[in-house]
Amino acid sequence: MVYNILNGGEDRLNLIMGVIKTEHPDFLVVNETNGFEKNDKLNQFSKEINLSHFKLSLSGEYDYHTAVFSKYPFKEAREIKPLRNAGIIAVIETELGEISIVGAHLSPYREDARLLEIDLIIDQQKQYPNKILMGDMNSLSDADEYNEEIIKGFNNAQLEKFTTDGKFRFNVINKINSLGYMDTAVVFGKQKIPTVPTKVKQDEAHLTDMRVDYVFISGSLKDRLKSYSVINNNLTEKASDHYPVVIKLEL
């Protein structure tokens, strides 16, 4: 499961934990864990959601941290640096064998900045046969078949983030796909289900229905992939400005 909780959750943290406990994932990536480095908040959150193994990566700029929480002990867990936001690579031993999982939050600026980051991230995973890559990629996929006409209504933040010379940029997601990762939404034909915005609209670049949160898997895990879901309900509408994304692998 991957979930961008918006600025550390603020006064919505109980709603966020309610969403997570309902889904009860075995492995969780949380983007924007702002403030989780203070007052034992990371440990308390871990206990509340019943995932006892965790790792926090501090943001390279501002406070947009990323954390991972796991049912499985980490064989290895380290931060991926340098990133504008944050990323973590964790290696766990499961019934399927060793799996490398990256939780990342890419730059909210231009696509070219995100391309540099995704190259760094993918390089960290290349040695592992079984891979999962998930997070807020802040990028769009051409598999979602966006109508270029909507660009005419974009504000400056959206134009800078998602376009160049009046055209959509899909370079980051195309790069990931070209290196053997599978977009789990596309596998199930659910790529047109947006992950932003909920009714909590705060990011001026996310005022149009879009998919910016992804879960990718290596081809070695394809036969184990059983479902993909964007959790859209009354609770997730209020808990954050992103909807969480959940996949299920048969172990």
Protein backbone atom coordinates (compact mmCIF):
# COMPACT_ATOMS: atom_id res chain seq x y z
CA MET A 1 0.00 0.00 0.00
CA VAL A 2 1.17 3.53 -0.77
CA TYR A 3 -0.37 6.65 0.72
CA ASN A 4 0.54 10.32 0.51
CA ILE A 5 -0.96 11.70 3.72
CA LEU A 6 -0.51 15.46 3.05
CA ASN A 7 1.80 17.41 5.31
CA GLY A 8 2.21 14.80 8.02
CA GLY A 9 -1.50 14.19 8.43
CA GLU A 10 -2.06 17.22 10.67
CA ASP A 11 -5.47 16.93 12.39
CA ARG A 12 -6.44 14.11 9.99
CA LEU A 13 -4.07 11.53 11.44
CA ASN A 14 -6.80 9.45 13.09
CA LEU A 15 -8.65 9.29 9.77
CA ILE A 16 -5.45 8.23 8.00
CA MET A 17 -4.75 5.48 10.51
CA GLY A 18 -8.35 4.34 10.14
CA VAL A 19 -7.86 3.97 6.39
CA ILE A 20 -4.66 2.01 6.86
CA LYS A 21 -6.09 -0.29 9.53
CA THR A 22 -9.07 -1.06 7.31
CA GLU A 23 -6.75 -2.17 4.51
CA HIS A 24 -4.26 -3.83 6.96
CA PRO A 25 -1.33 -3.99 4.50
CA ASP A 26 1.75 -6.12 5.08
CA PHE A 27 3.95 -3.34 3.70
CA LEU A 28 3.18 0.36 3.63
CA VAL A 29 4.85 3.40 2.05
CA VAL A 30 3.78 6.75 3.50
CA ASN A 31 4.73 9.93 1.67
CA GLU A 32 4.79 13.31 3.43
CA THR A 33 5.52 11.97 6.90
CA ASN A 34 6.34 15.52 7.92
CA GLY A 35 7.08 15.75 11.64
CA PHE A 36 7.35 11.99 12.13
CA GLU A 37 10.96 12.45 13.21
CA LYS A 38 9.78 14.24 16.38
CA ASN A 39 8.25 13.18 19.69
CA ASP A 40 8.38 9.42 19.01
CA LYS A 41 5.64 9.90 16.41
CA LEU A 42 7.07 7.28 14.04
CA ASN A 43 7.06 4.58 16.71
CA GLN A 44 3.57 5.50 17.89
CA PHE A 45 2.22 5.38 14.33
CA SER A 46 3.86 1.98 13.82
CA LYS A 47 2.18 0.58 16.91
CA GLU A 48 -1.21 1.99 15.98
CA ILE A 49 -1.21 0.40 12.51
CA ASN A 50 0.38 -2.85 13.78
CA LEU A 51 3.40 -2.83 11.48
CA SER A 52 6.37 -3.18 13.78
CA HIS A 53 9.30 -2.66 11.40
CA PHE A 54 9.85 0.84 10.04
CA LYS A 55 12.32 3.23 8.50
CA LEU A 56 12.15 7.00 7.94
CA SER A 57 13.96 8.94 5.22
CA LEU A 58 14.30 12.68 5.79
CA SER A 59 13.58 14.98 2.90
CA GLY A 60 16.41 16.60 1.01
CA GLU A 61 14.42 19.84 0.88
CA TYR A 62 11.79 21.15 3.32
CA ASP A 63 10.02 18.45 5.37
CA TYR A 64 8.55 16.05 2.83
CA HIS A 65 9.80 12.84 4.41
CA THR A 66 8.95 9.25 3.42
CA ALA A 67 8.51 6.28 5.75
CA VAL A 68 8.07 2.56 5.19
CA PHE A 69 6.35 0.17 7.59
CA SER A 70 6.49 -3.59 7.33
CA LYS A 71 5.13 -6.78 8.82
CA TYR A 72 8.39 -8.41 7.74
CA PRO A 73 11.78 -7.64 9.32
CA PHE A 74 14.17 -5.73 7.10
CA LYS A 75 17.17 -7.64 5.81
CA GLU A 76 18.32 -4.22 4.71
CA ALA A 77 16.82 -0.71 4.74
CA ARG A 78 18.55 2.44 3.61
CA GLU A 79 17.75 5.93 2.40
CA ILE A 80 18.14 6.86 -1.25
CA LYS A 81 20.02 10.14 -1.60
CA PRO A 82 20.03 12.78 -2.96
CA LEU A 83 16.32 13.38 -3.68
CA ARG A 84 14.32 16.57 -3.39
CA ASN A 85 11.83 14.72 -1.22
CA ALA A 86 12.78 11.26 0.03
CA GLY A 87 13.12 7.58 -0.80
CA ILE A 88 13.89 4.29 0.92
CA ILE A 89 14.93 0.88 -0.36
CA ALA A 90 14.02 -2.03 1.90
CA VAL A 91 14.77 -5.71 1.38
CA ILE A 92 12.50 -8.27 3.03
CA GLU A 93 12.35 -12.06 3.07
CA THR A 94 8.88 -13.42 2.24
CA GLU A 95 7.28 -16.71 1.28
CA LEU A 96 8.22 -15.76 -2.30
CA GLY A 97 11.83 -15.21 -1.34
CA GLU A 98 13.72 -11.95 -1.18
CA ILE A 99 11.89 -8.83 -2.42
CA SER A 100 13.33 -5.36 -2.82
CA ILE A 101 10.78 -2.59 -2.21
CA VAL A 102 11.34 1.09 -2.89
CA GLY A 103 9.11 3.77 -1.44
CA ALA A 104 9.71 7.14 -3.06
CA HIS A 105 8.34 10.63 -3.48
CA LEU A 106 9.71 12.35 -6.58
CA SER A 107 10.27 16.05 -7.12
CA PRO A 108 7.16 18.20 -7.63
CA TYR A 109 9.02 20.41 -10.08
CA ARG A 110 9.82 19.64 -13.72
CA GLU A 111 9.89 16.24 -15.39
CA ASP A 112 13.60 16.59 -16.13
CA ALA A 113 14.32 16.78 -12.38
CA ARG A 114 12.26 13.64 -11.79
CA LEU A 115 14.11 11.80 -14.55
CA LEU A 116 17.40 12.29 -12.72
CA GLU A 117 15.81 10.99 -9.52
CA ILE A 118 14.25 7.91 -11.07
CA ASP A 119 17.58 6.96 -12.65
CA LEU A 120 19.15 7.03 -9.20
CA ILE A 121 16.32 5.01 -7.67
CA ILE A 122 16.26 2.32 -10.35
CA ASP A 123 20.01 1.94 -10.08
CA GLN A 124 19.53 1.02 -6.40
CA GLN A 125 17.19 -1.84 -7.34
CA LYS A 126 18.85 -3.36 -10.38
CA GLN A 127 20.65 -6.12 -8.48
CA TYR A 128 17.42 -7.64 -7.14
CA PRO A 129 15.32 -10.09 -9.23
CA ASN A 130 12.06 -9.41 -7.33
CA LYS A 131 11.25 -5.70 -7.20
CA ILE A 132 8.43 -3.38 -6.17
CA LEU A 133 8.62 0.37 -6.78
CA MET A 134 5.87 2.56 -5.38
CA GLY A 135 5.14 6.09 -4.33
CA ASP A 136 4.01 9.52 -5.39
CA MET A 137 5.88 9.88 -8.67
CA ASN A 138 4.44 13.35 -9.43
CA SER A 139 4.37 12.24 -13.08
CA LEU A 140 1.78 11.18 -15.62
CA SER A 141 1.48 8.05 -17.77
CA ASP A 142 0.52 8.08 -21.43
CA ALA A 143 -1.36 4.82 -20.75
CA ASP A 144 -3.98 7.00 -19.04
CA GLU A 145 -4.82 8.68 -22.37
CA TYR A 146 -5.12 12.26 -21.16
CA ASN A 147 -6.85 14.61 -23.58
CA GLU A 148 -4.37 17.32 -24.52
CA GLU A 149 -7.26 19.80 -24.57
CA ILE A 150 -7.24 19.89 -20.78
CA ILE A 151 -3.84 21.61 -20.90
CA LYS A 152 -5.66 24.78 -22.00
CA GLY A 153 -7.21 24.96 -18.53
CA PHE A 154 -4.00 24.29 -16.60
CA ASN A 155 -2.65 26.83 -14.16
CA ASN A 156 1.06 27.73 -14.07
CA ALA A 157 1.88 25.05 -11.50
CA GLN A 158 0.33 22.34 -13.67
CA LEU A 159 2.00 23.61 -16.82
CA GLU A 160 5.43 23.59 -15.19
CA LYS A 161 4.95 20.20 -13.58
CA PHE A 162 3.36 18.17 -16.36
CA THR A 163 4.15 19.84 -19.69
CA THR A 164 6.87 21.25 -21.92
CA ASP A 165 6.05 23.53 -24.87
CA GLY A 166 2.34 22.86 -24.41
CA LYS A 167 2.64 19.06 -24.55
CA PHE A 168 2.33 16.43 -21.82
CA ARG A 169 5.54 14.82 -20.56
CA PHE A 170 5.46 11.07 -19.85
CA ASN A 171 9.22 10.46 -19.67
CA VAL A 172 9.48 9.22 -16.08
CA ILE A 173 6.79 6.56 -16.30
CA ASN A 174 7.97 5.52 -19.77
CA LYS A 175 11.49 5.12 -18.36
CA ILE A 176 10.26 2.89 -15.55
CA ASN A 177 8.22 0.76 -17.96
CA SER A 178 11.14 0.44 -20.37
CA LEU A 179 13.34 -1.10 -17.68
CA GLY A 180 11.16 -4.13 -17.03
CA TYR A 181 8.77 -2.81 -14.41
CA MET A 182 5.05 -3.41 -14.81
CA ASP A 183 2.47 -0.76 -13.95
CA THR A 184 -0.01 -2.70 -11.81
CA ALA A 185 -2.88 -0.37 -12.69
CA VAL A 186 -2.38 -1.08 -16.38
CA VAL A 187 -2.30 -4.84 -15.76
CA PHE A 188 -5.90 -4.62 -14.53
CA GLY A 189 -7.02 -1.88 -16.93
CA LYS A 190 -7.53 0.56 -14.06
CA GLN A 191 -5.06 3.22 -15.13
CA LYS A 192 -7.75 5.84 -15.68
CA ILE A 193 -8.76 5.83 -12.00
CA PRO A 194 -7.30 9.04 -10.53
CA THR A 195 -5.30 9.13 -7.30
CA VAL A 196 -5.73 12.91 -6.93
CA PRO A 197 -7.50 15.06 -5.95
CA THR A 198 -9.84 14.04 -3.17
CA LYS A 199 -12.26 16.59 -1.71
CA VAL A 200 -9.26 17.87 0.27
CA LYS A 201 -7.87 19.98 -2.57
CA GLN A 202 -4.73 21.78 -1.43
CA ASP A 203 -2.09 21.27 -4.12
CA GLU A 204 -2.56 23.76 -6.96
CA ALA A 205 -0.94 21.27 -9.36
CA HIS A 206 -3.54 18.60 -8.48
CA LEU A 207 -6.82 20.29 -9.29
CA THR A 208 -7.54 17.99 -12.24
CA ASP A 209 -8.28 14.26 -11.96
CA MET A 210 -4.93 12.52 -12.44
CA ARG A 211 -2.95 9.45 -11.48
CA VAL A 212 0.34 10.37 -9.82
CA ASP A 213 0.64 7.52 -7.26
CA TYR A 214 1.89 4.21 -8.67
CA VAL A 215 2.88 0.67 -7.78
CA PHE A 216 5.26 -1.05 -10.21
CA ILE A 217 6.45 -4.65 -9.96
CA SER A 218 9.12 -6.67 -11.74
CA GLY A 219 7.98 -9.26 -14.27
CA SER A 220 9.08 -11.98 -11.85
CA LEU A 221 6.10 -11.08 -9.65
CA LYS A 222 3.45 -10.81 -12.35
CA ASP A 223 1.91 -14.25 -11.82
CA ARG A 224 1.53 -13.45 -8.12
CA LEU A 225 -0.32 -10.16 -8.70
CA LYS A 226 -3.98 -10.60 -7.74
CA SER A 227 -5.49 -7.13 -7.48
CA TYR A 228 -5.04 -3.38 -7.77
CA SER A 229 -7.26 -0.83 -6.04
CA VAL A 230 -7.48 2.91 -5.50
CA ILE A 231 -9.31 3.28 -2.19
CA ASN A 232 -12.03 5.86 -2.77
CA ASN A 233 -14.62 6.14 -0.02
CA ASN A 234 -16.04 8.63 2.47
CA LEU A 235 -13.03 8.21 4.75
CA THR A 236 -10.33 8.64 2.10
CA GLU A 237 -12.13 11.70 0.73
CA LYS A 238 -11.42 13.46 4.03
CA ALA A 239 -8.17 11.88 5.19
CA SER A 240 -5.76 13.33 2.58
CA ASP A 241 -5.59 15.00 -0.82
CA HIS A 242 -4.40 11.69 -2.33
CA TYR A 243 -6.23 8.37 -2.44
CA PRO A 244 -4.20 5.37 -1.26
CA VAL A 245 -3.26 2.63 -3.71
CA VAL A 246 -3.24 -1.05 -2.72
CA ILE A 247 -2.03 -4.14 -4.56
CA LYS A 248 -2.24 -7.74 -3.46
CA LEU A 249 0.36 -10.39 -4.21
CA GLU A 250 -0.37 -14.06 -3.59
CA LEU A 251 2.38 -15.49 -1.41
